[in-house]
C-alpha cells in the first residue's frame, strides 16, 4: 500500500461543457501523466465512438479530441492509499477540488466512469458542487461483464444527448 497524491492536472478549458471523472489514475496513467493510459482501458475507444470520431492515440491527439468535443477530465480522488491500480484497495481518501473547473468552464453535466468514482463523488464532492453525477459503466478492463459495444451504447445514450 502506497500513499499517492494525484499527479495529473485537470484537463479543461473555458468551453468545456461536460466533466468526466474517474476514480484515481492507474499506474500506467500516472507514468504517462495523462488519463486512461493503460492500453486495455476502453475509455478512448468508447468516447471516440460516442462522438463518431477517430480514436486518439497520442496525448496531443487526446487533448485535441477533448477540446474539440468540449470535454473536461479529472478524477474524484486527489490522494489516497492504493495498491498498484486497484480501485478496491483505495483507502485514506482526499477528494480533488472541482471548483476551479466549474468556475472556469461551461460545465453543466458531470459523469463518473464507474462505481468507485460514483461512490467517492457522492461521499466527498456532490454536496460541494451541488451537481448530481451520472454514473456510467466503467471502461476498465476489470469490468469484463460489459462488452465494448454495450459500453458504447450506454455511454452514447447518456453523453450523446448533450
Protein backbone atom coordinates (compact mmCIF):
# COMPACT_ATOMS: atom_id res chain seq x y z
CA UNK A 1 0.00 0.00 0.00
CA UNK A 2 1.39 3.36 -1.03
CA UNK A 3 0.08 6.88 -0.36
CA UNK A 4 -0.07 8.75 -3.67
CA UNK A 5 -1.03 12.34 -4.45
CA UNK A 6 -2.77 12.68 -7.81
CA UNK A 7 -0.04 13.83 -10.22
CA UNK A 8 -2.15 14.75 -13.28
CA UNK A 9 -3.66 18.23 -13.51
CA UNK A 10 -7.29 18.59 -14.58
CA UNK A 11 -7.90 18.95 -18.30
CA UNK A 12 -10.43 21.60 -19.32
CA UNK A 13 -10.83 24.96 -20.98
CA UNK A 14 -13.37 27.76 -20.90
CA UNK A 15 -15.55 25.97 -23.48
CA UNK A 16 -15.77 22.60 -21.66
CA UNK A 17 -19.42 21.58 -21.27
CA UNK A 18 -19.19 18.17 -19.65
CA UNK A 19 -16.86 16.82 -16.99
CA UNK A 20 -15.93 13.15 -16.92
CA UNK A 21 -14.42 11.96 -13.66
CA UNK A 22 -12.58 8.74 -12.99
CA UNK A 23 -11.70 7.49 -9.54
CA UNK A 24 -7.86 7.67 -9.47
CA UNK A 25 -5.30 7.23 -12.28
CA UNK A 26 -3.80 3.82 -12.91
CA UNK A 27 -0.07 3.17 -12.64
CA UNK A 28 0.17 3.45 -16.47
CA UNK A 29 -1.74 6.75 -16.49
CA UNK A 30 0.49 8.12 -13.73
CA UNK A 31 3.57 7.11 -15.74
CA UNK A 32 2.22 8.83 -18.88
CA UNK A 33 0.84 11.79 -16.90
CA UNK A 34 -2.49 11.63 -18.72
CA UNK A 35 -5.83 9.91 -18.30
CA UNK A 36 -6.62 6.34 -19.32
CA UNK A 37 -3.12 5.44 -20.37
CA UNK A 38 -3.44 1.68 -19.97
CA UNK A 39 -3.87 0.11 -23.42
CA UNK A 40 -6.54 -2.29 -22.11
CA UNK A 41 -8.76 0.52 -20.81
CA UNK A 42 -11.56 1.12 -23.30
CA UNK A 43 -12.17 4.79 -22.48
CA UNK A 44 -10.71 6.29 -25.67
CA UNK A 45 -12.43 3.75 -27.93
CA UNK A 46 -15.78 4.35 -26.21
CA UNK A 47 -15.61 8.14 -26.17
CA UNK A 48 -14.49 8.24 -29.81
CA UNK A 49 -17.46 6.05 -30.78
CA UNK A 50 -19.84 8.26 -28.76
CA UNK A 51 -18.73 11.30 -30.76
CA UNK A 52 -18.30 9.34 -34.02
CA UNK A 53 -14.68 10.42 -34.29
CA UNK A 54 -11.30 8.76 -34.73
CA UNK A 55 -9.75 7.13 -31.67
CA UNK A 56 -6.99 9.42 -30.40
CA UNK A 57 -3.70 7.64 -29.72
CA UNK A 58 -1.08 10.15 -28.60
CA UNK A 59 -1.52 12.51 -25.68
CA UNK A 60 -1.64 15.57 -28.00
CA UNK A 61 -4.36 13.80 -30.04
CA UNK A 62 -6.28 13.01 -26.85
CA UNK A 63 -6.07 16.64 -25.70
CA UNK A 64 -7.22 17.87 -29.13
CA UNK A 65 -10.13 15.40 -29.06
CA UNK A 66 -11.26 16.55 -25.61
CA UNK A 67 -11.01 20.21 -26.59
CA UNK A 68 -12.90 19.65 -29.88
CA UNK A 69 -15.76 17.91 -28.05
CA UNK A 70 -15.82 20.29 -25.04
CA UNK A 71 -14.92 17.59 -22.53
CA UNK A 72 -13.20 18.30 -19.22
CA UNK A 73 -11.50 15.42 -17.40
CA UNK A 74 -10.13 14.71 -13.98
CA UNK A 75 -10.56 12.25 -11.12
CA UNK A 76 -12.63 12.40 -7.96
CA UNK A 77 -9.74 11.37 -5.68
CA UNK A 78 -6.88 13.79 -5.04
CA UNK A 79 -4.82 11.46 -2.87
CA UNK A 80 -5.21 8.01 -1.37
CA UNK A 81 -3.51 4.85 -0.22
CA UNK A 82 -3.60 2.38 -3.11
CA UNK A 83 -2.02 -0.89 -4.20
CA UNK A 84 -0.95 -0.53 -7.83
CA UNK A 85 -4.04 0.39 -9.85
CA UNK A 86 -6.61 -1.49 -7.77
CA UNK A 87 -9.71 0.61 -7.01
CA UNK A 88 -10.77 -1.98 -4.45
CA UNK A 89 -7.62 -1.27 -2.40
CA UNK A 90 -8.27 2.51 -2.11
CA UNK A 91 -8.21 3.87 1.44
CA UNK A 92 -7.46 7.18 3.22
CA UNK A 93 -9.11 9.30 0.52
CA UNK A 94 -8.94 13.04 -0.01
CA UNK A 95 -11.04 14.45 -2.85
CA UNK A 96 -9.95 16.78 -5.62
CA UNK A 97 -11.42 20.30 -5.52
CA UNK A 98 -13.50 20.65 -8.68
CA UNK A 99 -14.34 24.32 -8.18
CA UNK A 100 -11.51 25.51 -10.44
CA UNK A 101 -13.03 23.56 -13.33
CA UNK A 102 -16.61 24.57 -12.60
CA UNK A 103 -15.79 28.29 -12.17
CA UNK A 104 -13.61 28.47 -15.29
CA UNK A 105 -15.66 26.47 -17.80
CA UNK A 106 -19.21 25.96 -19.02
CA UNK A 107 -19.58 22.54 -17.39
CA UNK A 108 -23.21 21.76 -16.70
CA UNK A 109 -23.14 17.96 -16.54
CA UNK A 110 -20.85 15.62 -14.65
CA UNK A 111 -20.34 11.96 -15.49
CA UNK A 112 -18.41 9.44 -13.42
CA UNK A 113 -16.64 6.50 -15.00
CA UNK A 114 -17.65 3.56 -12.83
CA UNK A 115 -18.99 2.75 -9.37
CA UNK A 116 -15.82 3.65 -7.46
CA UNK A 117 -15.81 7.17 -8.90
CA UNK A 118 -19.53 7.41 -8.12
CA UNK A 119 -19.04 6.26 -4.53
CA UNK A 120 -16.37 8.84 -3.76
CA UNK A 121 -18.10 11.62 -5.72
CA UNK A 122 -21.28 11.12 -3.69
CA UNK A 123 -19.35 10.89 -0.43
CA UNK A 124 -16.98 13.84 -0.82
CA UNK A 125 -17.95 16.07 -3.74
CA UNK A 126 -21.62 16.15 -4.67
CA UNK A 127 -22.60 18.32 -1.68
CA UNK A 128 -19.85 20.81 -2.64
CA UNK A 129 -20.73 21.09 -6.35
CA UNK A 130 -24.49 20.72 -5.96
CA UNK A 131 -24.43 18.72 -9.21
CA UNK A 132 -25.61 15.12 -9.32
CA UNK A 133 -23.29 12.98 -11.40
CA UNK A 134 -24.50 10.40 -13.90
CA UNK A 135 -22.73 7.10 -13.33
CA UNK A 136 -21.60 5.33 -16.48
CA UNK A 137 -20.26 1.76 -16.53
CA UNK A 138 -16.52 1.61 -16.05
CA UNK A 139 -14.32 1.40 -19.13
CA UNK A 140 -11.74 -0.50 -17.09
CA UNK A 141 -10.75 -3.98 -18.29
CA UNK A 142 -11.78 -5.14 -14.80
CA UNK A 143 -15.39 -4.52 -15.93
CA UNK A 144 -15.37 -7.65 -18.08
CA UNK A 145 -19.16 -8.04 -17.87
CA UNK A 146 -19.62 -5.06 -20.21
CA UNK A 147 -18.56 -5.50 -23.84
CA UNK A 148 -17.16 -2.61 -25.85
CA UNK A 149 -20.43 -2.46 -27.81
CA UNK A 150 -22.57 -2.36 -24.65
CA UNK A 151 -20.33 0.29 -23.04
CA UNK A 152 -20.52 2.43 -26.17
CA UNK A 153 -24.32 2.16 -26.35
CA UNK A 154 -24.78 3.14 -22.70
CA UNK A 155 -22.27 5.99 -22.85
CA UNK A 156 -23.76 7.28 -26.11
CA UNK A 157 -27.25 7.13 -24.61
CA UNK A 158 -26.13 9.40 -21.76
CA UNK A 159 -23.47 11.68 -23.17
CA UNK A 160 -24.69 11.68 -26.76
CA UNK A 161 -27.88 13.52 -25.76
CA UNK A 162 -25.97 16.65 -24.74
